[in-house]
Amino acid sequence: MSSNGKVAIVTGAGSGIGKATALALLKEGYSVALAGRRADALEQAVKDAGAAASRALAVPTDVSDPASVRALFAKTKEKFGRLDLVFNNAGQNAPGIPLEELTFEQWQSVVNANLTGAFLCTQEAFRVMKSQTPRGGRIINNGSISAHAPRPNSSPYTATKHAITGLTKSTSLDGRKYDIACGQIDIGNALTEMAERMAKGVPQADGSIKVEPLMDVAHVAKTVVYMASLPLDANVQFVTVMATKMPFVGRG
């Protein structure tokens, strides 16, 4: 597992999609800074990297806090010397309760994690990537199928994922002059701790409760690795990876 010389930051790397992607990047030879709120989960992810653990750096991070994000990027640059890839993956959801019952704090918590966190990391990535040699890099945002269509009682999550699409487009445009590419992966029903409830049945648009198919999270990680593998003069702007039979395409 020799290094390919490229450096990545993955947020929300302690579990689920973030962990799977961080491990996949390490396997491909990247040096990876794993960011997340839980130090113990990050350290376990590093251990799970096996022989590649020497190229991993666990950095406990609150992506909604500007100072914490600045520290993440500073530690990454100090350790590895540059930055080639950021996967803005960290995020959370609110309880699946009627819109009118959500508290302001529940709304704000999702906005802070899903949207503000991605913006802060993008901003720091620009500062590093435009000033390094060779210049540039790539940012990949974790959107969601919710960026296209909502689930019932999901207003904070859905609103932030729609906003991520806007951030992706703006980042892609504003990054051109710095050789910074930006794309978005929209994921549907990857088997993670967050999505386990799908196997037990979740509310549908018609008010029914149905079990939904799930896919291996490894397929998401492989897609991110592919997006990251492209030269900076090529970009996957948007891609959707989903469980084939989930009730997304069509009327529900």
C-alpha atoms as a PDB file:
ATOM      1  CA  MET A   1       0.000   0.000   0.000  1.00  0.00           C
ATOM      2  CA  SER A   2       2.418   2.676  -1.167  1.00  0.00           C
ATOM      3  CA  SER A   3       1.435   6.349  -1.206  1.00  0.00           C
ATOM      4  CA  ASN A   4       0.218   7.926  -4.445  1.00  0.00           C
ATOM      5  CA  GLY A   5       1.296  11.336  -3.158  1.00  0.00           C
ATOM      6  CA  LYS A   6      -2.231  12.687  -2.895  1.00  0.00           C
ATOM      7  CA  VAL A   7      -3.818  14.000   0.293  1.00  0.00           C
ATOM      8  CA  ALA A   8      -7.504  13.947   1.259  1.00  0.00           C
ATOM      9  CA  ILE A   9      -9.735  15.205   4.063  1.00  0.00           C
ATOM     10  CA  VAL A  10     -12.908  13.229   4.778  1.00  0.00           C
ATOM     11  CA  THR A  11     -15.431  14.675   7.220  1.00  0.00           C
ATOM     12  CA  GLY A  12     -17.819  12.466   9.145  1.00  0.00           C
ATOM     13  CA  ALA A  13     -15.145   9.789   8.830  1.00  0.00           C
ATOM     14  CA  GLY A  14     -15.859   7.913  12.055  1.00  0.00           C
ATOM     15  CA  SER A  15     -18.672   5.794  10.659  1.00  0.00           C
ATOM     16  CA  GLY A  16     -20.890   5.030   7.689  1.00  0.00           C
ATOM     17  CA  ILE A  17     -20.162   6.549   4.295  1.00  0.00           C
ATOM     18  CA  GLY A  18     -17.320   8.689   5.619  1.00  0.00           C
ATOM     19  CA  LYS A  19     -15.453   5.787   7.153  1.00  0.00           C
ATOM     20  CA  ALA A  20     -15.952   3.547   4.119  1.00  0.00           C
ATOM     21  CA  THR A  21     -14.681   6.290   1.820  1.00  0.00           C
ATOM     22  CA  ALA A  22     -11.694   7.165   3.994  1.00  0.00           C
ATOM     23  CA  LEU A  23     -10.629   3.515   4.070  1.00  0.00           C
ATOM     24  CA  ALA A  24     -11.116   3.191   0.308  1.00  0.00           C
ATOM     25  CA  LEU A  25      -8.953   6.268  -0.315  1.00  0.00           C
ATOM     26  CA  LEU A  26      -6.257   4.922   1.973  1.00  0.00           C
ATOM     27  CA  LYS A  27      -6.343   1.651   0.050  1.00  0.00           C
ATOM     28  CA  GLU A  28      -5.821   3.631  -3.159  1.00  0.00           C
ATOM     29  CA  GLY A  29      -2.675   5.205  -1.719  1.00  0.00           C
ATOM     30  CA  TYR A  30      -4.015   8.526  -0.453  1.00  0.00           C
ATOM     31  CA  SER A  31      -2.900  10.074   2.795  1.00  0.00           C
ATOM     32  CA  VAL A  32      -6.132  10.877   4.622  1.00  0.00           C
ATOM     33  CA  ALA A  33      -7.125  13.161   7.459  1.00  0.00           C
ATOM     34  CA  LEU A  34     -10.211  11.641   9.080  1.00  0.00           C
ATOM     35  CA  ALA A  35     -12.406  14.298  10.680  1.00  0.00           C
ATOM     36  CA  GLY A  36     -15.385  13.769  12.964  1.00  0.00           C
ATOM     37  CA  ARG A  37     -16.822  14.589  16.359  1.00  0.00           C
ATOM     38  CA  ARG A  38     -15.933  11.317  18.115  1.00  0.00           C
ATOM     39  CA  ALA A  39     -12.234  10.747  18.725  1.00  0.00           C
ATOM     40  CA  ASP A  40     -12.743   7.092  19.630  1.00  0.00           C
ATOM     41  CA  ALA A  41     -14.565   6.352  16.365  1.00  0.00           C
ATOM     42  CA  LEU A  42     -11.860   8.079  14.341  1.00  0.00           C
ATOM     43  CA  GLU A  43      -9.107   6.134  16.082  1.00  0.00           C
ATOM     44  CA  GLN A  44     -10.963   2.876  15.397  1.00  0.00           C
ATOM     45  CA  ALA A  45     -11.278   3.805  11.731  1.00  0.00           C
ATOM     46  CA  VAL A  46      -7.531   4.401  11.582  1.00  0.00           C
ATOM     47  CA  LYS A  47      -6.902   0.989  13.164  1.00  0.00           C
ATOM     48  CA  ASP A  48      -9.241  -0.594  10.623  1.00  0.00           C
ATOM     49  CA  ALA A  49      -7.019   0.774   7.844  1.00  0.00           C
ATOM     50  CA  GLY A  50      -4.409  -1.862   8.719  1.00  0.00           C
ATOM     51  CA  ALA A  51      -1.110  -1.343   6.916  1.00  0.00           C
ATOM     52  CA  ALA A  52      -2.320   1.989   5.518  1.00  0.00           C
ATOM     53  CA  ALA A  53      -2.796   3.463   9.007  1.00  0.00           C
ATOM     54  CA  SER A  54       0.576   5.198   8.765  1.00  0.00           C
ATOM     55  CA  ARG A  55      -0.963   7.494   6.138  1.00  0.00           C
ATOM     56  CA  ALA A  56      -4.019   8.304   8.264  1.00  0.00           C
ATOM     57  CA  LEU A  57      -4.484  11.204  10.652  1.00  0.00           C
ATOM     58  CA  ALA A  58      -7.430  11.346  13.078  1.00  0.00           C
ATOM     59  CA  VAL A  59      -8.541  14.926  13.781  1.00  0.00           C
ATOM     60  CA  PRO A  60     -11.550  15.397  16.097  1.00  0.00           C
ATOM     61  CA  THR A  61     -13.508  18.197  14.445  1.00  0.00           C
ATOM     62  CA  ASP A  62     -16.765  20.100  14.759  1.00  0.00           C
ATOM     63  CA  VAL A  63     -17.407  21.192  11.170  1.00  0.00           C
ATOM     64  CA  SER A  64     -19.901  23.841  12.312  1.00  0.00           C
ATOM     65  CA  ASP A  65     -17.158  25.668  14.251  1.00  0.00           C
ATOM     66  CA  PRO A  66     -14.855  27.880  12.120  1.00  0.00           C
ATOM     67  CA  ALA A  67     -11.921  27.530  14.522  1.00  0.00           C
ATOM     68  CA  SER A  68     -12.222  23.741  14.556  1.00  0.00           C
ATOM     69  CA  VAL A  69     -12.315  23.626  10.755  1.00  0.00           C
ATOM     70  CA  ARG A  70      -9.278  25.897  10.482  1.00  0.00           C
ATOM     71  CA  ALA A  71      -7.418  23.593  12.864  1.00  0.00           C
ATOM     72  CA  LEU A  72      -8.346  20.538  10.766  1.00  0.00           C
ATOM     73  CA  PHE A  73      -6.909  22.037   7.602  1.00  0.00           C
ATOM     74  CA  ALA A  74      -3.824  23.382   9.363  1.00  0.00           C
ATOM     75  CA  LYS A  75      -3.043  19.979  10.901  1.00  0.00           C
ATOM     76  CA  THR A  76      -3.564  18.265   7.558  1.00  0.00           C
ATOM     77  CA  LYS A  77      -1.199  20.623   5.750  1.00  0.00           C
ATOM     78  CA  GLU A  78       1.350  20.405   8.548  1.00  0.00           C
ATOM     79  CA  LYS A  79       1.286  16.595   8.476  1.00  0.00           C
ATOM     80  CA  PHE A  80       1.077  15.927   4.737  1.00  0.00           C
ATOM     81  CA  GLY A  81       2.252  19.151   3.055  1.00  0.00           C
ATOM     82  CA  ARG A  82      -0.662  19.758   0.679  1.00  0.00           C
ATOM     83  CA  LEU A  83      -4.318  18.974  -0.023  1.00  0.00           C
ATOM     84  CA  ASP A  84      -5.783  17.359  -3.143  1.00  0.00           C
ATOM     85  CA  LEU A  85      -9.274  16.267  -2.114  1.00  0.00           C
ATOM     86  CA  VAL A  86     -12.004  17.199   0.345  1.00  0.00           C
ATOM     87  CA  PHE A  87     -15.056  14.973   0.773  1.00  0.00           C
ATOM     88  CA  ASN A  88     -17.700  17.055   2.533  1.00  0.00           C
ATOM     89  CA  ASN A  89     -19.596  14.154   4.022  1.00  0.00           C
ATOM     90  CA  ALA A  90     -20.413  15.137   7.629  1.00  0.00           C
ATOM     91  CA  GLY A  91     -24.091  15.612   8.317  1.00  0.00           C
ATOM     92  CA  GLN A  92     -27.058  14.796  10.487  1.00  0.00           C
ATOM     93  CA  ASN A  93     -30.832  14.584  10.432  1.00  0.00           C
ATOM     94  CA  ALA A  94     -33.638  15.865  12.617  1.00  0.00           C
ATOM     95  CA  PRO A  95     -36.376  13.710  14.173  1.00  0.00           C
ATOM     96  CA  GLY A  96     -39.002  12.641  11.647  1.00  0.00           C
ATOM     97  CA  ILE A  97     -41.771  14.742  13.159  1.00  0.00           C
ATOM     98  CA  PRO A  98     -44.233  17.188  11.551  1.00  0.00           C
ATOM     99  CA  LEU A  99     -42.663  20.423  10.336  1.00  0.00           C
ATOM    100  CA  GLU A 100     -44.703  22.532  12.730  1.00  0.00           C
ATOM    101  CA  GLU A 101     -43.397  20.595  15.735  1.00  0.00           C
ATOM    102  CA  LEU A 102     -39.688  21.031  15.003  1.00  0.00           C
ATOM    103  CA  THR A 103     -37.839  23.284  17.393  1.00  0.00           C
ATOM    104  CA  PHE A 104     -35.566  26.052  16.214  1.00  0.00           C
ATOM    105  CA  GLU A 105     -32.652  24.227  17.835  1.00  0.00           C
ATOM    106  CA  GLN A 106     -33.384  21.064  15.814  1.00  0.00           C
ATOM    107  CA  TRP A 107     -33.535  23.075  12.593  1.00  0.00           C
ATOM    108  CA  GLN A 108     -30.358  25.003  13.368  1.00  0.00           C
ATOM    109  CA  SER A 109     -28.407  21.876  14.318  1.00  0.00           C
ATOM    110  CA  VAL A 110     -29.047  20.292  10.920  1.00  0.00           C
ATOM    111  CA  VAL A 111     -28.226  23.513   9.054  1.00  0.00           C
ATOM    112  CA  ASN A 112     -24.986  23.880  11.011  1.00  0.00           C
ATOM    113  CA  ALA A 113     -23.820  20.330  10.330  1.00  0.00           C
ATOM    114  CA  ASN A 114     -25.024  19.825   6.766  1.00  0.00           C
ATOM    115  CA  LEU A 115     -24.651  23.239   5.168  1.00  0.00           C
ATOM    116  CA  THR A 116     -22.489  25.545   7.262  1.00  0.00           C
ATOM    117  CA  GLY A 117     -19.976  22.760   7.821  1.00  0.00           C
ATOM    118  CA  ALA A 118     -19.652  22.091   4.087  1.00  0.00           C
ATOM    119  CA  PHE A 119     -19.232  25.810   3.399  1.00  0.00           C
ATOM    120  CA  LEU A 120     -16.543  26.259   6.060  1.00  0.00           C
ATOM    121  CA  CYS A 121     -14.581  23.273   4.761  1.00  0.00           C
ATOM    122  CA  THR A 122     -14.937  24.506   1.178  1.00  0.00           C
ATOM    123  CA  GLN A 123     -13.679  27.942   2.169  1.00  0.00           C
ATOM    124  CA  GLU A 124     -10.599  26.514   3.888  1.00  0.00           C
ATOM    125  CA  ALA A 125      -9.995  24.157   0.960  1.00  0.00           C
ATOM    126  CA  PHE A 126      -9.933  27.127  -1.424  1.00  0.00           C
ATOM    127  CA  ARG A 127      -7.379  28.900   0.758  1.00  0.00           C
ATOM    128  CA  VAL A 128      -5.060  25.896   0.747  1.00  0.00           C
ATOM    129  CA  MET A 129      -5.583  24.645  -2.808  1.00  0.00           C
ATOM    130  CA  LYS A 130      -5.154  27.955  -4.623  1.00  0.00           C
ATOM    131  CA  SER A 131      -1.841  28.709  -2.918  1.00  0.00           C
ATOM    132  CA  GLN A 132      -0.099  25.335  -3.155  1.00  0.00           C
ATOM    133  CA  THR A 133       2.180  23.947  -5.849  1.00  0.00           C
ATOM    134  CA  PRO A 134       0.954  22.227  -7.975  1.00  0.00           C
ATOM    135  CA  ARG A 135      -2.132  24.416  -7.623  1.00  0.00           C
ATOM    136  CA  GLY A 136      -5.703  23.184  -7.325  1.00  0.00           C
ATOM    137  CA  GLY A 137      -7.617  20.200  -6.046  1.00  0.00           C
ATOM    138  CA  ARG A 138     -11.060  18.634  -5.887  1.00  0.00           C
ATOM    139  CA  ILE A 139     -14.042  19.006  -3.570  1.00  0.00           C
ATOM    140  CA  ILE A 140     -16.801  16.396  -3.498  1.00  0.00           C
ATOM    141  CA  ASN A 141     -20.020  17.168  -1.654  1.00  0.00           C
ATOM    142  CA  ASN A 142     -22.307  14.500  -0.241  1.00  0.00           C
ATOM    143  CA  GLY A 143     -25.735  15.524  -1.429  1.00  0.00           C
ATOM    144  CA  SER A 144     -28.653  13.128  -1.217  1.00  0.00           C
ATOM    145  CA  ILE A 145     -31.596  11.870  -3.185  1.00  0.00           C
ATOM    146  CA  SER A 146     -33.350  14.372  -0.907  1.00  0.00           C
ATOM    147  CA  ALA A 147     -31.673  17.019  -3.075  1.00  0.00           C
ATOM    148  CA  HIS A 148     -34.204  15.947  -5.730  1.00  0.00           C
ATOM    149  CA  ALA A 149     -37.268  14.810  -3.771  1.00  0.00           C
ATOM    150  CA  PRO A 150     -38.155  14.940  -0.055  1.00  0.00           C
ATOM    151  CA  ARG A 151     -39.254  12.250   2.305  1.00  0.00           C
ATOM    152  CA  PRO A 152     -42.178  13.007   4.632  1.00  0.00           C
ATOM    153  CA  ASN A 153     -41.269  15.109   7.682  1.00  0.00           C
ATOM    154  CA  SER A 154     -37.740  15.904   6.511  1.00  0.00           C
ATOM    155  CA  SER A 155     -37.727  19.675   5.982  1.00  0.00           C
ATOM    156  CA  PRO A 156     -34.353  20.508   7.637  1.00  0.00           C
ATOM    157  CA  TYR A 157     -32.476  17.672   5.940  1.00  0.00           C
ATOM    158  CA  THR A 158     -34.127  18.198   2.557  1.00  0.00           C
ATOM    159  CA  ALA A 159     -33.623  21.970   2.638  1.00  0.00           C
ATOM    160  CA  THR A 160     -29.933  21.631   3.432  1.00  0.00           C
ATOM    161  CA  LYS A 161     -29.369  19.020   0.730  1.00  0.00           C
ATOM    162  CA  HIS A 162     -31.015  21.283  -1.847  1.00  0.00           C
ATOM    163  CA  ALA A 163     -28.683  24.003  -0.598  1.00  0.00           C
ATOM    164  CA  ILE A 164     -25.686  21.703  -1.029  1.00  0.00           C
ATOM    165  CA  THR A 165     -26.543  21.529  -4.735  1.00  0.00           C
ATOM    166  CA  GLY A 166     -26.338  25.313  -4.900  1.00  0.00           C
ATOM    167  CA  LEU A 167     -23.044  25.278  -3.021  1.00  0.00           C
ATOM    168  CA  THR A 168     -21.696  22.622  -5.395  1.00  0.00           C
ATOM    169  CA  LYS A 169     -22.549  24.696  -8.465  1.00  0.00           C
ATOM    170  CA  SER A 170     -21.126  27.903  -7.004  1.00  0.00           C
ATOM    171  CA  THR A 171     -17.974  26.118  -5.880  1.00  0.00           C
ATOM    172  CA  SER A 172     -17.535  24.549  -9.309  1.00  0.00           C
ATOM    173  CA  LEU A 173     -17.808  27.980 -10.937  1.00  0.00           C
ATOM    174  CA  ASP A 174     -15.734  29.954  -8.440  1.00  0.00           C
ATOM    175  CA  GLY A 175     -13.045  27.277  -8.324  1.00  0.00           C
ATOM    176  CA  ARG A 176     -12.270  27.374 -12.048  1.00  0.00           C
ATOM    177  CA  LYS A 177      -9.721  30.159 -11.793  1.00  0.00           C
ATOM    178  CA  TYR A 178      -7.827  28.207  -9.118  1.00  0.00           C
ATOM    179  CA  ASP A 179      -7.961  24.794 -10.849  1.00  0.00           C
ATOM    180  CA  ILE A 180     -10.382  23.561  -8.186  1.00  0.00           C
ATOM    181  CA  ALA A 181     -13.008  21.086  -9.402  1.00  0.00           C
ATOM    182  CA  CYS A 182     -16.204  20.388  -7.467  1.00  0.00           C
ATOM    183  CA  GLY A 183     -18.797  17.661  -7.863  1.00  0.00           C
ATOM    184  CA  GLN A 184     -21.652  16.129  -5.899  1.00  0.00           C
ATOM    185  CA  ILE A 185     -22.663  12.559  -5.115  1.00  0.00           C
ATOM    186  CA  ASP A 186     -26.335  11.944  -4.323  1.00  0.00           C
ATOM    187  CA  ILE A 187     -26.818   8.724  -2.397  1.00  0.00           C
ATOM    188  CA  GLY A 188     -29.918   6.626  -1.927  1.00  0.00           C
ATOM    189  CA  ASN A 189     -30.202   3.969   0.782  1.00  0.00           C
ATOM    190  CA  ALA A 190     -26.612   2.937   1.448  1.00  0.00           C
ATOM    191  CA  LEU A 191     -26.510   0.444   4.305  1.00  0.00           C
ATOM    192  CA  THR A 192     -25.131   2.478   7.206  1.00  0.00           C
ATOM    193  CA  GLU A 193     -26.157   3.013  10.822  1.00  0.00           C
ATOM    194  CA  MET A 194     -28.203   6.026   9.708  1.00  0.00           C
ATOM    195  CA  ALA A 195     -30.107   4.012   7.095  1.00  0.00           C
ATOM    196  CA  GLU A 196     -30.718   0.807   9.044  1.00  0.00           C
ATOM    197  CA  ARG A 197     -34.273   1.913   9.733  1.00  0.00           C
ATOM    198  CA  MET A 198     -35.078   1.457   6.023  1.00  0.00           C
ATOM    199  CA  ALA A 199     -34.981  -2.309   6.505  1.00  0.00           C
ATOM    200  CA  LYS A 200     -37.681  -2.047   9.179  1.00  0.00           C
ATOM    201  CA  GLY A 201     -40.008   0.222   7.220  1.00  0.00           C
ATOM    202  CA  VAL A 202     -40.151   3.992   6.745  1.00  0.00           C
ATOM    203  CA  PRO A 203     -42.960   6.456   5.909  1.00  0.00           C
ATOM    204  CA  GLN A 204     -43.850   6.913   2.246  1.00  0.00           C
ATOM    205  CA  ALA A 205     -45.450   9.863   0.456  1.00  0.00           C
ATOM    206  CA  ASP A 206     -48.862   8.154   0.506  1.00  0.00           C
ATOM    207  CA  GLY A 207     -48.756   7.748   4.280  1.00  0.00           C
ATOM    208  CA  SER A 208     -47.914   4.046   4.235  1.00  0.00           C
ATOM    209  CA  ILE A 209     -44.926   2.384   5.913  1.00  0.00           C
ATOM    210  CA  LYS A 210     -42.749   0.259   3.650  1.00  0.00           C
ATOM    211  CA  VAL A 211     -39.466  -1.605   3.832  1.00  0.00           C
ATOM    212  CA  GLU A 212     -36.958  -0.163   1.357  1.00  0.00           C
ATOM    213  CA  PRO A 213     -34.043  -1.930  -0.371  1.00  0.00           C
ATOM    214  CA  LEU A 214     -30.502  -1.041   0.697  1.00  0.00           C
ATOM    215  CA  MET A 215     -27.127  -1.267  -1.058  1.00  0.00           C
ATOM    216  CA  ASP A 216     -23.613  -1.921   0.207  1.00  0.00           C
ATOM    217  CA  VAL A 217     -21.880   1.305   1.273  1.00  0.00           C
ATOM    218  CA  ALA A 218     -18.782   0.100  -0.587  1.00  0.00           C
ATOM    219  CA  HIS A 219     -20.447   1.148  -3.849  1.00  0.00           C
ATOM    220  CA  VAL A 220     -20.570   4.729  -2.604  1.00  0.00           C
ATOM    221  CA  ALA A 221     -16.916   4.662  -1.579  1.00  0.00           C
ATOM    222  CA  LYS A 222     -15.888   3.275  -4.985  1.00  0.00           C
ATOM    223  CA  THR A 223     -17.784   6.070  -6.726  1.00  0.00           C
ATOM    224  CA  VAL A 224     -16.076   8.764  -4.663  1.00  0.00           C
ATOM    225  CA  VAL A 225     -12.696   7.172  -5.396  1.00  0.00           C
ATOM    226  CA  TYR A 226     -13.522   7.231  -9.123  1.00  0.00           C
ATOM    227  CA  MET A 227     -14.559  10.900  -8.987  1.00  0.00           C
ATOM    228  CA  ALA A 228     -11.321  11.694  -7.158  1.00  0.00           C
ATOM    229  CA  SER A 229      -9.222   9.767  -9.692  1.00  0.00           C
ATOM    230  CA  LEU A 230      -9.996  12.095 -12.586  1.00  0.00           C
ATOM    231  CA  PRO A 231      -7.480  14.722 -13.699  1.00  0.00           C
ATOM    232  CA  LEU A 232      -8.464  18.267 -12.776  1.00  0.00           C
ATOM    233  CA  ASP A 233      -9.474  19.036 -16.365  1.00  0.00           C
ATOM    234  CA  ALA A 234     -12.336  16.514 -16.012  1.00  0.00           C
ATOM    235  CA  ASN A 235     -15.147  16.489 -13.467  1.00  0.00           C
ATOM    236  CA  VAL A 236     -18.168  14.427 -12.468  1.00  0.00           C
ATOM    237  CA  GLN A 237     -20.498  17.321 -11.709  1.00  0.00           C
ATOM    238  CA  PHE A 238     -23.368  15.206 -10.356  1.00  0.00           C
ATOM    239  CA  VAL A 239     -23.811  11.483  -9.877  1.00  0.00           C
ATOM    240  CA  THR A 240     -26.559   9.441  -8.204  1.00  0.00           C
ATOM    241  CA  VAL A 241     -25.776   6.083  -6.616  1.00  0.00           C
ATOM    242  CA  MET A 242     -28.805   4.297  -5.206  1.00  0.00           C
ATOM    243  CA  ALA A 243     -30.323   0.966  -4.339  1.00  0.00           C
ATOM    244  CA  THR A 244     -31.852  -0.064  -7.659  1.00  0.00           C
ATOM    245  CA  LYS A 245     -35.320  -0.906  -6.360  1.00  0.00           C
ATOM    246  CA  MET A 246     -35.795   1.862  -3.822  1.00  0.00           C
ATOM    247  CA  PRO A 247     -39.016   3.845  -4.369  1.00  0.00           C
ATOM    248  CA  PHE A 248     -37.432   6.978  -5.804  1.00  0.00           C
ATOM    249  CA  VAL A 249     -37.924   6.935  -9.578  1.00  0.00           C
ATOM    250  CA  GLY A 250     -41.633   7.085 -10.406  1.00  0.00           C
ATOM    251  CA  ARG A 251     -44.762   8.137  -8.551  1.00  0.00           C
ATOM    252  CA  GLY A 252     -45.158   7.236  -4.882  1.00  0.00           C
END
